[in-house]
Amino acid sequence: MADPKFTAGEVAKIAWLTGRMLKRGIASQTVYQGDLERKVEKVIEGARKREEQQRKK
């Protein structure tokens, strides 16, 4: 499934979470990042739902 078009807020949230992942990666390559990955997936899923609702209108 293709990624949806993101709003400015969604892009900022994904960028912020990616930055946190990078910071953790610098600290240690074995650090757990699954929590941040789930948050990114949640933002992407929310954008998909928003686009689907907009298409229905």
PDB file of N, CA and C in Angstrom:
ATOM      1  N   MET A   1       0.846  -1.178   0.000  1.00  0.00           N
ATOM      2  CA  MET A   1       0.000   0.000   0.000  1.00  0.00           C
ATOM      3  C   MET A   1       0.890   1.241   0.000  1.00  0.00           C
ATOM      4  N   ALA A   2       0.535   2.182  -0.813  1.00  0.00           N
ATOM      5  CA  ALA A   2       1.318   3.413  -0.931  1.00  0.00           C
ATOM      6  C   ALA A   2       1.111   4.306   0.295  1.00  0.00           C
ATOM      7  N   ASP A   3       2.133   5.069   0.606  1.00  0.00           N
ATOM      8  CA  ASP A   3       2.012   6.008   1.713  1.00  0.00           C
ATOM      9  C   ASP A   3       1.074   7.146   1.316  1.00  0.00           C
ATOM     10  N   PRO A   4       0.288   7.623   2.258  1.00  0.00           N
ATOM     11  CA  PRO A   4      -0.629   8.737   1.978  1.00  0.00           C
ATOM     12  C   PRO A   4       0.110  10.064   1.927  1.00  0.00           C
ATOM     13  N   LYS A   5      -0.586  11.093   1.491  1.00  0.00           N
ATOM     14  CA  LYS A   5      -0.014  12.436   1.567  1.00  0.00           C
ATOM     15  C   LYS A   5      -0.148  12.894   3.012  1.00  0.00           C
ATOM     16  N   PHE A   6       0.957  13.364   3.560  1.00  0.00           N
ATOM     17  CA  PHE A   6       0.985  13.745   4.963  1.00  0.00           C
ATOM     18  C   PHE A   6       0.740  15.238   5.129  1.00  0.00           C
ATOM     19  N   THR A   7       0.119  15.589   6.263  1.00  0.00           N
ATOM     20  CA  THR A   7      -0.030  16.991   6.613  1.00  0.00           C
ATOM     21  C   THR A   7       1.299  17.473   7.194  1.00  0.00           C
ATOM     22  N   ALA A   8       1.428  18.768   7.372  1.00  0.00           N
ATOM     23  CA  ALA A   8       2.669  19.328   7.938  1.00  0.00           C
ATOM     24  C   ALA A   8       2.904  18.781   9.350  1.00  0.00           C
ATOM     25  N   GLY A   9       1.854  18.634  10.114  1.00  0.00           N
ATOM     26  CA  GLY A   9       1.976  18.106  11.471  1.00  0.00           C
ATOM     27  C   GLY A   9       2.436  16.668  11.491  1.00  0.00           C
ATOM     28  N   GLU A  10       1.927  15.871  10.560  1.00  0.00           N
ATOM     29  CA  GLU A  10       2.337  14.473  10.484  1.00  0.00           C
ATOM     30  C   GLU A  10       3.800  14.350  10.065  1.00  0.00           C
ATOM     31  N   VAL A  11       4.221  15.174   9.129  1.00  0.00           N
ATOM     32  CA  VAL A  11       5.621  15.171   8.697  1.00  0.00           C
ATOM     33  C   VAL A  11       6.529  15.557   9.862  1.00  0.00           C
ATOM     34  N   ALA A  12       6.127  16.558  10.614  1.00  0.00           N
ATOM     35  CA  ALA A  12       6.923  17.001  11.758  1.00  0.00           C
ATOM     36  C   ALA A  12       7.011  15.901  12.815  1.00  0.00           C
ATOM     37  N   LYS A  13       5.913  15.217  13.078  1.00  0.00           N
ATOM     38  CA  LYS A  13       5.894  14.148  14.076  1.00  0.00           C
ATOM     39  C   LYS A  13       6.805  12.997  13.650  1.00  0.00           C
ATOM     40  N   ILE A  14       6.730  12.604  12.370  1.00  0.00           N
ATOM     41  CA  ILE A  14       7.577  11.525  11.868  1.00  0.00           C
ATOM     42  C   ILE A  14       9.042  11.936  11.926  1.00  0.00           C
ATOM     43  N   ALA A  15       9.345  13.177  11.565  1.00  0.00           N
ATOM     44  CA  ALA A  15      10.724  13.660  11.607  1.00  0.00           C
ATOM     45  C   ALA A  15      11.256  13.660  13.041  1.00  0.00           C
ATOM     46  N   TRP A  16      10.431  14.082  13.985  1.00  0.00           N
ATOM     47  CA  TRP A  16      10.836  14.125  15.388  1.00  0.00           C
ATOM     48  C   TRP A  16      11.109  12.714  15.908  1.00  0.00           C
ATOM     49  N   LEU A  17      10.215  11.771  15.574  1.00  0.00           N
ATOM     50  CA  LEU A  17      10.404  10.394  16.018  1.00  0.00           C
ATOM     51  C   LEU A  17      11.637   9.767  15.368  1.00  0.00           C
ATOM     52  N   THR A  18      11.869  10.080  14.100  1.00  0.00           N
ATOM     53  CA  THR A  18      13.058   9.577  13.409  1.00  0.00           C
ATOM     54  C   THR A  18      14.325  10.121  14.063  1.00  0.00           C
ATOM     55  N   GLY A  19      14.299  11.381  14.441  1.00  0.00           N
ATOM     56  CA  GLY A  19      15.435  11.970  15.149  1.00  0.00           C
ATOM     57  C   GLY A  19      15.708  11.267  16.470  1.00  0.00           C
ATOM     58  N   ARG A  20      14.652  10.926  17.180  1.00  0.00           N
ATOM     59  CA  ARG A  20      14.825  10.191  18.440  1.00  0.00           C
ATOM     60  C   ARG A  20      15.416   8.812  18.188  1.00  0.00           C
ATOM     61  N   MET A  21      14.982   8.167  17.087  1.00  0.00           N
ATOM     62  CA  MET A  21      15.550   6.859  16.740  1.00  0.00           C
ATOM     63  C   MET A  21      17.036   6.987  16.429  1.00  0.00           C
ATOM     64  N   LEU A  22      17.406   8.035  15.690  1.00  0.00           N
ATOM     65  CA  LEU A  22      18.815   8.251  15.366  1.00  0.00           C
ATOM     66  C   LEU A  22      19.638   8.480  16.629  1.00  0.00           C
ATOM     67  N   LYS A  23      19.093   9.260  17.548  1.00  0.00           N
ATOM     68  CA  LYS A  23      19.799   9.545  18.795  1.00  0.00           C
ATOM     69  C   LYS A  23      20.029   8.261  19.590  1.00  0.00           C
ATOM     70  N   ARG A  24      19.006   7.409  19.629  1.00  0.00           N
ATOM     71  CA  ARG A  24      19.163   6.131  20.322  1.00  0.00           C
ATOM     72  C   ARG A  24      20.178   5.247  19.605  1.00  0.00           C
ATOM     73  N   GLY A  25      20.163   5.297  18.280  1.00  0.00           N
ATOM     74  CA  GLY A  25      21.098   4.491  17.501  1.00  0.00           C
ATOM     75  C   GLY A  25      22.534   4.897  17.727  1.00  0.00           C
ATOM     76  N   ILE A  26      22.752   6.190  17.918  1.00  0.00           N
ATOM     77  CA  ILE A  26      24.100   6.680  18.197  1.00  0.00           C
ATOM     78  C   ILE A  26      24.552   6.194  19.571  1.00  0.00           C
ATOM     79  N   ALA A  27      23.632   6.157  20.516  1.00  0.00           N
ATOM     80  CA  ALA A  27      23.975   5.727  21.867  1.00  0.00           C
ATOM     81  C   ALA A  27      24.399   4.266  21.887  1.00  0.00           C
ATOM     82  N   SER A  28      23.668   3.437  21.161  1.00  0.00           N
ATOM     83  CA  SER A  28      23.992   2.010  21.106  1.00  0.00           C
ATOM     84  C   SER A  28      23.208   1.373  19.972  1.00  0.00           C
ATOM     85  N   GLN A  29      23.855   0.498  19.244  1.00  0.00           N
ATOM     86  CA  GLN A  29      23.177  -0.144  18.123  1.00  0.00           C
ATOM     87  C   GLN A  29      22.250  -1.261  18.578  1.00  0.00           C
ATOM     88  N   THR A  30      22.342  -1.667  19.821  1.00  0.00           N
ATOM     89  CA  THR A  30      21.488  -2.742  20.325  1.00  0.00           C
ATOM     90  C   THR A  30      20.307  -2.214  21.132  1.00  0.00           C
ATOM     91  N   VAL A  31      20.102  -0.923  21.135  1.00  0.00           N
ATOM     92  CA  VAL A  31      19.020  -0.315  21.914  1.00  0.00           C
ATOM     93  C   VAL A  31      17.668  -0.623  21.261  1.00  0.00           C
ATOM     94  N   TYR A  32      16.643  -0.821  22.071  1.00  0.00           N
ATOM     95  CA  TYR A  32      15.301  -1.145  21.584  1.00  0.00           C
ATOM     96  C   TYR A  32      14.625   0.110  21.025  1.00  0.00           C
ATOM     97  N   GLN A  33      14.111   0.005  19.791  1.00  0.00           N
ATOM     98  CA  GLN A  33      13.444   1.139  19.165  1.00  0.00           C
ATOM     99  C   GLN A  33      12.029   0.801  18.714  1.00  0.00           C
ATOM    100  N   GLY A  34      11.530  -0.342  19.107  1.00  0.00           N
ATOM    101  CA  GLY A  34      10.211  -0.786  18.684  1.00  0.00           C
ATOM    102  C   GLY A  34       9.099   0.165  19.086  1.00  0.00           C
ATOM    103  N   ASP A  35       9.246   0.808  20.240  1.00  0.00           N
ATOM    104  CA  ASP A  35       8.215   1.750  20.693  1.00  0.00           C
ATOM    105  C   ASP A  35       8.105   2.937  19.745  1.00  0.00           C
ATOM    106  N   LEU A  36       9.247   3.449  19.290  1.00  0.00           N
ATOM    107  CA  LEU A  36       9.226   4.592  18.370  1.00  0.00           C
ATOM    108  C   LEU A  36       8.730   4.165  16.989  1.00  0.00           C
ATOM    109  N   GLU A  37       9.103   2.957  16.563  1.00  0.00           N
ATOM    110  CA  GLU A  37       8.638   2.451  15.278  1.00  0.00           C
ATOM    111  C   GLU A  37       7.118   2.311  15.273  1.00  0.00           C
ATOM    112  N   ARG A  38       6.550   1.847  16.382  1.00  0.00           N
ATOM    113  CA  ARG A  38       5.081   1.729  16.490  1.00  0.00           C
ATOM    114  C   ARG A  38       4.417   3.095  16.422  1.00  0.00           C
ATOM    115  N   LYS A  39       5.041   4.102  17.036  1.00  0.00           N
ATOM    116  CA  LYS A  39       4.476   5.449  16.990  1.00  0.00           C
ATOM    117  C   LYS A  39       4.474   5.999  15.566  1.00  0.00           C
ATOM    118  N   VAL A  40       5.537   5.731  14.807  1.00  0.00           N
ATOM    119  CA  VAL A  40       5.591   6.172  13.410  1.00  0.00           C
ATOM    120  C   VAL A  40       4.496   5.461  12.617  1.00  0.00           C
ATOM    121  N   GLU A  41       4.345   4.158  12.827  1.00  0.00           N
ATOM    122  CA  GLU A  41       3.297   3.406  12.132  1.00  0.00           C
ATOM    123  C   GLU A  41       1.905   3.934  12.476  1.00  0.00           C
ATOM    124  N   LYS A  42       1.728   4.359  13.721  1.00  0.00           N
ATOM    125  CA  LYS A  42       0.444   4.911  14.152  1.00  0.00           C
ATOM    126  C   LYS A  42       0.146   6.221  13.424  1.00  0.00           C
ATOM    127  N   VAL A  43       1.148   7.060  13.235  1.00  0.00           N
ATOM    128  CA  VAL A  43       0.980   8.319  12.498  1.00  0.00           C
ATOM    129  C   VAL A  43       0.622   8.023  11.044  1.00  0.00           C
ATOM    130  N   ILE A  44       1.314   7.057  10.442  1.00  0.00           N
ATOM    131  CA  ILE A  44       1.058   6.698   9.045  1.00  0.00           C
ATOM    132  C   ILE A  44      -0.355   6.126   8.904  1.00  0.00           C
ATOM    133  N   GLU A  45      -0.750   5.267   9.814  1.00  0.00           N
ATOM    134  CA  GLU A  45      -2.100   4.683   9.763  1.00  0.00           C
ATOM    135  C   GLU A  45      -3.166   5.765   9.943  1.00  0.00           C
ATOM    136  N   GLY A  46      -2.916   6.723  10.820  1.00  0.00           N
ATOM    137  CA  GLY A  46      -3.847   7.832  10.997  1.00  0.00           C
ATOM    138  C   GLY A  46      -3.990   8.657   9.730  1.00  0.00           C
ATOM    139  N   ALA A  47      -2.890   8.851   9.015  1.00  0.00           N
ATOM    140  CA  ALA A  47      -2.930   9.592   7.753  1.00  0.00           C
ATOM    141  C   ALA A  47      -3.714   8.818   6.700  1.00  0.00           C
ATOM    142  N   ARG A  48      -3.558   7.506   6.682  1.00  0.00           N
ATOM    143  CA  ARG A  48      -4.328   6.676   5.735  1.00  0.00           C
ATOM    144  C   ARG A  48      -5.824   6.782   6.015  1.00  0.00           C
ATOM    145  N   LYS A  49      -6.189   6.705   7.294  1.00  0.00           N
ATOM    146  CA  LYS A  49      -7.605   6.813   7.663  1.00  0.00           C
ATOM    147  C   LYS A  49      -8.162   8.183   7.301  1.00  0.00           C
ATOM    148  N   ARG A  50      -7.359   9.224   7.534  1.00  0.00           N
ATOM    149  CA  ARG A  50      -7.802  10.581   7.197  1.00  0.00           C
ATOM    150  C   ARG A  50      -8.040  10.715   5.701  1.00  0.00           C
ATOM    151  N   GLU A  51      -7.122  10.187   4.898  1.00  0.00           N
ATOM    152  CA  GLU A  51      -7.272  10.254   3.439  1.00  0.00           C
ATOM    153  C   GLU A  51      -8.511   9.478   2.988  1.00  0.00           C
ATOM    154  N   GLU A  52      -8.742   8.326   3.597  1.00  0.00           N
ATOM    155  CA  GLU A  52      -9.910   7.522   3.226  1.00  0.00           C
ATOM    156  C   GLU A  52     -11.202   8.279   3.557  1.00  0.00           C
ATOM    157  N   GLN A  53     -11.236   8.931   4.698  1.00  0.00           N
ATOM    158  CA  GLN A  53     -12.426   9.717   5.058  1.00  0.00           C
ATOM    159  C   GLN A  53     -12.630  10.889   4.116  1.00  0.00           C
ATOM    160  N   GLN A  54     -11.538  11.513   3.695  1.00  0.00           N
ATOM    161  CA  GLN A  54     -11.650  12.638   2.757  1.00  0.00           C
ATOM    162  C   GLN A  54     -12.140  12.176   1.390  1.00  0.00           C
ATOM    163  N   ARG A  55     -11.746  10.966   0.979  1.00  0.00           N
ATOM    164  CA  ARG A  55     -12.205  10.438  -0.304  1.00  0.00           C
ATOM    165  C   ARG A  55     -13.702  10.127  -0.296  1.00  0.00           C
ATOM    166  N   LYS A  56     -14.216   9.735   0.860  1.00  0.00           N
ATOM    167  CA  LYS A  56     -15.629   9.386   0.979  1.00  0.00           C
ATOM    168  C   LYS A  56     -16.534  10.605   0.907  1.00  0.00           C
ATOM    169  N   LYS A  57     -15.996  11.773   1.207  1.00  0.00           N
ATOM    170  CA  LYS A  57     -16.815  12.995   1.227  1.00  0.00           C
ATOM    171  C   LYS A  57     -17.159  13.468  -0.147  1.00  0.00           C
TER     172      LYS A  57
END
